[in-house]
């Protein structure tokens, strides 16, 4: 999750590399954009407050750059800022947006652009809601609502040591990425050493990116419940502490209701009560590089053989049809 500190670092020290670049001449952009879109996206204009097409729209979807179609913002991060422009708390990816200092009109602001094609989107301010504290104030004319088929969804959950859950979900069809991290705690930017004390309130979690057209949210939760022990409070095997609790972090009421429904459904497979926590997703922090792709990079390590491999074998036996080819 990006914060104002990250924005300032990008602005002062350079932006992250984009996944791709799209470059066209001014005349080529004029051929594919309306006059209003060209004025705002290519000439850094600003639409009149309250006049944008996306000010009052809240349907699910991804908002992409009007010029190149790159996904920039998720509708689930959209909020009513009463500013007169669509507002978001986060971009879809850290490298989706480009940041530059803007000193026009006698003010010092941070301009945000599409990192793929440099199209002007608007500005970002440090007066947004927690946990990020960011408000991306964006022109409607700089965006387009992408088709649902282009969406990539995410799910944050914890099932004990994140090395284990990461290894399982890396092998699920429809999952496009798995990242280990921390969520549910009270301090910002926790270190692994701090997490291990069990005093920060964070849980070791994974952020699963997936294609809803290939795998559903509820099927991901069924795999989650079946591949760890959701009946042990703050413990998975020898790993003990609140950082190893079983938890599902939801983004909205629909996900909350579905998580509770699947939890109830899965209870019939366990003799003891399921104690999995279902909580609103707050700040999420990516773990260090040495905690990413852990099993795949350390398959011969003793912990991987003794703890992770049995979980993978259980996944293979229960969900063979949902596995990627090994």
Protein backbone atom coordinates (compact mmCIF):
# COMPACT_ATOMS: atom_id res chain seq x y z
CA UNK A 1 0.00 0.00 0.00
CA UNK A 2 1.41 3.36 -1.05
CA UNK A 3 1.53 6.26 1.40
CA UNK A 4 2.50 9.92 1.08
CA UNK A 5 6.11 9.00 1.89
CA UNK A 6 6.17 6.71 -1.16
CA UNK A 7 4.67 9.46 -3.34
CA UNK A 8 7.36 11.93 -2.25
CA UNK A 9 10.10 9.37 -2.87
CA UNK A 10 8.86 8.73 -6.41
CA UNK A 11 8.52 12.46 -7.06
CA UNK A 12 12.00 13.31 -5.82
CA UNK A 13 14.01 10.19 -6.67
CA UNK A 14 12.40 8.81 -9.82
CA UNK A 15 9.41 6.70 -10.73
CA UNK A 16 9.19 2.90 -10.90
CA UNK A 17 9.62 1.34 -14.33
CA UNK A 18 6.30 0.75 -16.13
CA UNK A 19 5.33 -2.68 -17.45
CA UNK A 20 5.32 -1.25 -20.99
CA UNK A 21 5.60 2.05 -22.86
CA UNK A 22 3.26 3.59 -25.45
CA UNK A 23 4.48 6.64 -27.36
CA UNK A 24 2.66 8.54 -30.13
CA UNK A 25 2.98 11.90 -31.80
CA UNK A 26 0.63 14.75 -30.96
CA UNK A 27 -1.21 14.23 -34.23
CA UNK A 28 -1.61 10.51 -33.57
CA UNK A 29 -3.16 11.24 -30.14
CA UNK A 30 -5.54 13.75 -31.73
CA UNK A 31 -6.77 11.03 -34.08
CA UNK A 32 -7.91 8.73 -31.24
CA UNK A 33 -9.05 11.25 -28.59
CA UNK A 34 -11.94 13.68 -28.41
CA UNK A 35 -10.97 17.38 -28.17
CA UNK A 36 -11.77 17.37 -24.42
CA UNK A 37 -9.75 14.21 -23.81
CA UNK A 38 -6.80 15.61 -25.74
CA UNK A 39 -6.94 18.92 -23.87
CA UNK A 40 -6.89 17.23 -20.48
CA UNK A 41 -4.83 14.07 -21.01
CA UNK A 42 -2.19 15.44 -23.39
CA UNK A 43 -2.18 19.19 -22.60
CA UNK A 44 -2.64 18.84 -18.80
CA UNK A 45 -6.01 20.54 -18.63
CA UNK A 46 -8.58 20.24 -15.84
CA UNK A 47 -12.29 19.59 -16.25
CA UNK A 48 -14.80 21.72 -14.35
CA UNK A 49 -15.63 20.41 -10.86
CA UNK A 50 -18.65 18.12 -10.83
CA UNK A 51 -18.83 17.87 -14.62
CA UNK A 52 -16.97 14.59 -15.13
CA UNK A 53 -18.77 11.44 -16.28
CA UNK A 54 -17.33 9.33 -13.45
CA UNK A 55 -18.00 11.65 -10.52
CA UNK A 56 -21.10 9.79 -9.33
CA UNK A 57 -20.50 6.34 -10.81
CA UNK A 58 -19.59 3.48 -8.48
CA UNK A 59 -20.16 0.28 -10.47
CA UNK A 60 -17.48 -2.44 -10.19
CA UNK A 61 -14.64 -2.23 -12.64
CA UNK A 62 -11.22 -0.93 -13.44
CA UNK A 63 -10.53 2.59 -14.60
CA UNK A 64 -7.93 2.70 -17.35
CA UNK A 65 -6.01 5.46 -19.10
CA UNK A 66 -8.14 6.99 -21.86
CA UNK A 67 -5.10 7.12 -24.14
CA UNK A 68 -3.51 3.67 -23.86
CA UNK A 69 -6.01 1.60 -21.84
CA UNK A 70 -3.56 0.73 -19.05
CA UNK A 71 -5.49 -0.13 -15.82
CA UNK A 72 -4.85 2.63 -13.27
CA UNK A 73 -7.51 2.52 -10.54
CA UNK A 74 -9.91 -0.05 -9.07
CA UNK A 75 -13.48 1.06 -8.34
CA UNK A 76 -13.17 -0.52 -4.89
CA UNK A 77 -10.62 2.16 -3.99
CA UNK A 78 -12.98 4.95 -5.11
CA UNK A 79 -14.52 7.19 -2.45
CA UNK A 80 -16.65 10.33 -2.23
CA UNK A 81 -14.26 13.18 -1.43
CA UNK A 82 -16.81 15.96 -2.17
CA UNK A 83 -14.11 17.58 -4.29
CA UNK A 84 -15.99 17.48 -7.58
CA UNK A 85 -13.61 14.96 -9.16
CA UNK A 86 -13.41 11.14 -8.95
CA UNK A 87 -11.15 10.23 -6.03
CA UNK A 88 -9.21 7.06 -5.25
CA UNK A 89 -7.03 5.93 -2.35
CA UNK A 90 -4.61 3.76 -4.36
CA UNK A 91 -3.58 2.89 -7.91
CA UNK A 92 -3.98 -0.73 -9.02
CA UNK A 93 -0.19 -1.20 -9.00
CA UNK A 94 2.70 0.80 -7.60
CA UNK A 95 4.15 1.29 -11.09
CA UNK A 96 0.87 2.23 -12.80
CA UNK A 97 1.23 5.93 -11.98
CA UNK A 98 4.01 8.41 -12.70
CA UNK A 99 4.59 11.32 -10.27
CA UNK A 100 6.03 14.77 -10.99
CA UNK A 101 6.29 18.03 -9.07
CA UNK A 102 3.83 20.65 -10.35
CA UNK A 103 4.49 24.29 -9.41
CA UNK A 104 1.90 25.86 -11.71
CA UNK A 105 -0.63 28.47 -10.50
CA UNK A 106 1.60 29.46 -7.58
CA UNK A 107 1.08 26.11 -5.81
CA UNK A 108 3.30 23.11 -5.16
CA UNK A 109 1.42 19.93 -6.01
CA UNK A 110 2.18 16.39 -7.17
CA UNK A 111 0.91 15.64 -10.65
CA UNK A 112 -0.07 12.06 -11.48
CA UNK A 113 0.18 10.61 -14.98
CA UNK A 114 -0.21 7.26 -16.66
CA UNK A 115 3.23 5.66 -16.34
CA UNK A 116 2.72 3.89 -19.68
CA UNK A 117 2.05 6.89 -21.94
CA UNK A 118 2.49 10.00 -19.73
CA UNK A 119 -1.16 11.02 -20.03
CA UNK A 120 -2.10 13.61 -17.41
CA UNK A 121 -4.61 12.21 -14.92
CA UNK A 122 -4.77 14.79 -12.13
CA UNK A 123 -3.02 15.26 -8.78
CA UNK A 124 -2.52 13.34 -5.53
CA UNK A 125 -2.90 14.85 -2.06
CA UNK A 126 -2.15 13.62 1.50
CA UNK A 127 -5.69 14.28 2.78
CA UNK A 128 -7.39 11.00 1.89
CA UNK A 129 -8.92 8.39 4.22
CA UNK A 130 -6.91 5.90 6.23
CA UNK A 131 -5.07 3.64 5.95
CA UNK A 132 -3.22 5.15 2.98
CA UNK A 133 -4.10 8.78 3.66
CA UNK A 134 -3.99 9.45 -0.09
CA UNK A 135 -6.48 11.16 -2.39
CA UNK A 136 -5.88 10.70 -6.09
CA UNK A 137 -7.98 13.49 -7.62
CA UNK A 138 -8.54 12.42 -11.23
CA UNK A 139 -10.21 13.92 -14.30
CA UNK A 140 -12.99 11.75 -15.73
CA UNK A 141 -11.91 12.67 -19.24
CA UNK A 142 -8.50 11.07 -18.59
CA UNK A 143 -10.08 7.69 -17.85
CA UNK A 144 -12.17 4.95 -19.39
CA UNK A 145 -14.09 2.21 -17.58
CA UNK A 146 -12.62 -1.07 -18.75
CA UNK A 147 -14.63 -4.19 -19.50
CA UNK A 148 -15.11 -6.66 -16.64
CA UNK A 149 -13.14 -9.29 -18.59
CA UNK A 150 -10.01 -7.19 -18.16
CA UNK A 151 -10.26 -7.08 -14.40
CA UNK A 152 -7.79 -8.72 -12.06
CA UNK A 153 -9.06 -9.23 -8.52
CA UNK A 154 -7.08 -9.57 -5.29
CA UNK A 155 -7.62 -11.41 -2.04
CA UNK A 156 -5.65 -11.01 1.20
CA UNK A 157 -5.67 -13.89 3.67
CA UNK A 158 -3.52 -15.52 6.33
CA UNK A 159 -3.25 -19.21 7.14
CA UNK A 160 -0.18 -19.38 9.36
CA UNK A 161 3.32 -18.96 7.96
CA UNK A 162 3.06 -17.12 4.65
CA UNK A 163 5.70 -19.40 3.10
CA UNK A 164 3.11 -22.21 3.25
CA UNK A 165 0.09 -20.35 1.92
CA UNK A 166 2.17 -18.74 -0.83
CA UNK A 167 3.34 -22.15 -2.08
CA UNK A 168 -0.23 -23.49 -2.24
CA UNK A 169 -1.78 -20.55 -4.08
CA UNK A 170 1.08 -20.30 -6.56
CA UNK A 171 -0.21 -23.63 -7.89
CA UNK A 172 -3.86 -22.64 -8.37
CA UNK A 173 -5.24 -22.19 -11.90
CA UNK A 174 -6.37 -18.64 -12.49
CA UNK A 175 -3.99 -17.15 -9.91
CA UNK A 176 -1.74 -14.63 -11.63
CA UNK A 177 0.45 -13.66 -8.70
CA UNK A 178 1.07 -14.31 -5.00
CA UNK A 179 2.88 -11.90 -2.69
CA UNK A 180 3.77 -12.41 0.97
CA UNK A 181 3.15 -9.56 3.39
CA UNK A 182 1.57 -8.34 6.61
CA UNK A 183 -1.83 -6.90 7.50
CA UNK A 184 -4.16 -6.36 10.43
CA UNK A 185 -1.71 -4.58 12.72
CA UNK A 186 -1.32 -1.22 14.38
CA UNK A 187 2.08 0.13 13.29
CA UNK A 188 3.23 1.32 9.88
CA UNK A 189 5.86 -0.46 7.79
CA UNK A 190 6.57 -3.30 10.24
CA UNK A 191 9.71 -5.40 9.86
CA UNK A 192 9.77 -9.18 9.92
CA UNK A 193 11.61 -9.03 13.25
CA UNK A 194 8.83 -6.91 14.73
CA UNK A 195 6.16 -9.22 13.32
CA UNK A 196 7.82 -12.23 14.95
CA UNK A 197 7.33 -10.73 18.42
CA UNK A 198 3.57 -11.06 17.97
CA UNK A 199 3.14 -7.58 19.49
CA UNK A 200 2.33 -5.53 16.37
CA UNK A 201 -1.06 -7.10 15.73
CA UNK A 202 -0.15 -8.03 12.17
CA UNK A 203 -0.75 -11.42 10.63
CA UNK A 204 1.50 -13.04 8.07
CA UNK A 205 -0.65 -12.94 4.93
CA UNK A 206 -0.52 -13.40 1.20
CA UNK A 207 -2.04 -11.13 -1.43
CA UNK A 208 -3.46 -13.30 -4.18
CA UNK A 209 -4.05 -11.75 -7.61
CA UNK A 210 -6.43 -13.79 -9.74
CA UNK A 211 -8.63 -13.81 -12.83
CA UNK A 212 -12.29 -14.12 -11.74
CA UNK A 213 -13.09 -15.64 -15.14
CA UNK A 214 -10.89 -18.64 -14.26
CA UNK A 215 -11.26 -19.03 -10.49
CA UNK A 216 -13.91 -17.60 -8.20
CA UNK A 217 -13.50 -15.87 -4.85
CA UNK A 218 -15.45 -18.62 -3.09
CA UNK A 219 -13.36 -21.43 -4.62
CA UNK A 220 -10.19 -19.67 -3.48
CA UNK A 221 -11.63 -19.59 0.04
CA UNK A 222 -12.51 -23.30 -0.11
CA UNK A 223 -8.89 -24.05 -1.02
CA UNK A 224 -7.78 -21.79 1.83
CA UNK A 225 -9.93 -23.55 4.44
CA UNK A 226 -8.92 -27.01 3.21
CA UNK A 227 -5.15 -26.48 3.17
CA UNK A 228 -4.56 -25.20 6.72
CA UNK A 229 -6.15 -25.86 10.11
CA UNK A 230 -8.72 -23.09 10.68
CA UNK A 231 -9.72 -24.52 14.08
CA UNK A 232 -6.53 -23.66 15.99
CA UNK A 233 -6.44 -20.17 17.48
CA UNK A 234 -3.27 -18.21 16.71
CA UNK A 235 -1.38 -21.34 15.73
CA UNK A 236 -0.47 -23.54 12.79
CA UNK A 237 1.53 -26.57 13.86
CA UNK A 238 4.65 -25.44 15.71
CA UNK A 239 4.16 -21.81 14.65
CA UNK A 240 2.39 -20.01 17.49
CA UNK A 241 1.35 -16.39 18.00
CA UNK A 242 -1.23 -13.93 16.70
CA UNK A 243 0.93 -13.40 13.60
CA UNK A 244 -0.01 -16.96 12.57
CA UNK A 245 -3.76 -16.57 13.01
CA UNK A 246 -6.26 -17.76 10.41
CA UNK A 247 -7.79 -14.67 8.82
CA UNK A 248 -9.65 -13.45 5.74
CA UNK A 249 -9.50 -9.73 4.98
CA UNK A 250 -12.49 -8.46 2.98
CA UNK A 251 -12.75 -5.26 0.92
CA UNK A 252 -16.51 -4.74 0.87
CA UNK A 253 -19.79 -6.08 2.27
CA UNK A 254 -20.22 -8.55 -0.58
CA UNK A 255 -16.85 -10.18 0.15
CA UNK A 256 -17.60 -10.17 3.88
CA UNK A 257 -20.90 -11.99 3.35
CA UNK A 258 -19.37 -14.54 1.00
CA UNK A 259 -16.44 -15.20 3.36
CA UNK A 260 -18.89 -15.89 6.19
CA UNK A 261 -20.96 -18.14 3.92
CA UNK A 262 -17.94 -20.25 2.90
CA UNK A 263 -16.74 -20.40 6.51
CA UNK A 264 -20.12 -21.84 7.52
CA UNK A 265 -20.06 -24.26 4.58
CA UNK A 266 -16.59 -25.56 5.47
CA UNK A 267 -17.46 -26.09 9.13
CA UNK A 268 -19.04 -29.46 8.31
CA UNK A 269 -15.59 -30.81 7.41
CA UNK A 270 -14.15 -30.08 10.87
CA UNK A 271 -15.04 -31.49 14.28
CA UNK A 272 -13.83 -28.40 16.15
CA UNK A 273 -15.20 -24.89 15.57
CA UNK A 274 -13.53 -22.82 12.86
CA UNK A 275 -11.93 -19.77 14.46
CA UNK A 276 -10.93 -17.96 11.27
CA UNK A 277 -11.16 -14.19 11.68
CA UNK A 278 -13.05 -12.21 9.01
CA UNK A 279 -11.96 -8.58 9.11
CA UNK A 280 -12.01 -5.42 7.01
CA UNK A 281 -8.80 -4.99 5.02
CA UNK A 282 -6.69 -2.10 6.26
CA UNK A 283 -3.06 -1.34 5.56
CA UNK A 284 -1.14 -4.08 3.77
CA UNK A 285 2.67 -4.19 3.68
CA UNK A 286 4.78 -6.29 1.34
CA UNK A 287 7.35 -8.53 3.05
CA UNK A 288 11.02 -8.41 2.11
CA UNK A 289 12.44 -10.09 -0.97
CA UNK A 290 13.80 -12.99 1.10
CA UNK A 291 10.20 -13.96 1.94
CA UNK A 292 8.91 -13.98 -1.63
CA UNK A 293 8.70 -17.22 -3.65
CA UNK A 294 10.19 -18.96 -0.62
CA UNK A 295 9.26 -22.58 -1.23
CA UNK A 296 10.16 -22.52 -4.92
CA UNK A 297 13.60 -21.12 -4.09
CA UNK A 298 14.24 -23.41 -1.12
CA UNK A 299 12.57 -26.75 -1.86
CA UNK A 300 15.37 -28.77 -0.22
CA UNK A 301 15.28 -26.76 2.98
CA UNK A 302 14.13 -28.77 6.00
CA UNK A 303 11.13 -26.54 6.83
CA UNK A 304 9.93 -26.77 3.24
CA UNK A 305 10.14 -30.55 3.24
CA UNK A 306 8.62 -31.09 6.67
CA UNK A 307 5.91 -28.42 6.77
CA UNK A 308 5.12 -27.05 3.32
CA UNK A 309 5.32 -30.23 1.24
CA UNK A 310 2.54 -32.00 3.23
CA UNK A 311 0.24 -29.00 2.63
CA UNK A 312 0.99 -29.16 -1.09
CA UNK A 313 0.27 -32.89 -1.14
CA UNK A 314 -3.10 -32.24 0.50
CA UNK A 315 -3.86 -29.57 -2.08
CA UNK A 316 -2.91 -31.97 -4.89
CA UNK A 317 -5.18 -34.69 -3.52
CA UNK A 318 -8.22 -32.44 -2.94
CA UNK A 319 -8.04 -29.97 -5.81
CA UNK A 320 -6.27 -31.71 -8.68
CA UNK A 321 -8.62 -30.12 -11.23
CA UNK A 322 -7.74 -26.62 -9.99
CA UNK A 323 -3.98 -27.12 -10.12
CA UNK A 324 -1.64 -25.73 -12.71
CA UNK A 325 0.44 -28.39 -14.44
CA UNK A 326 3.58 -29.30 -12.49
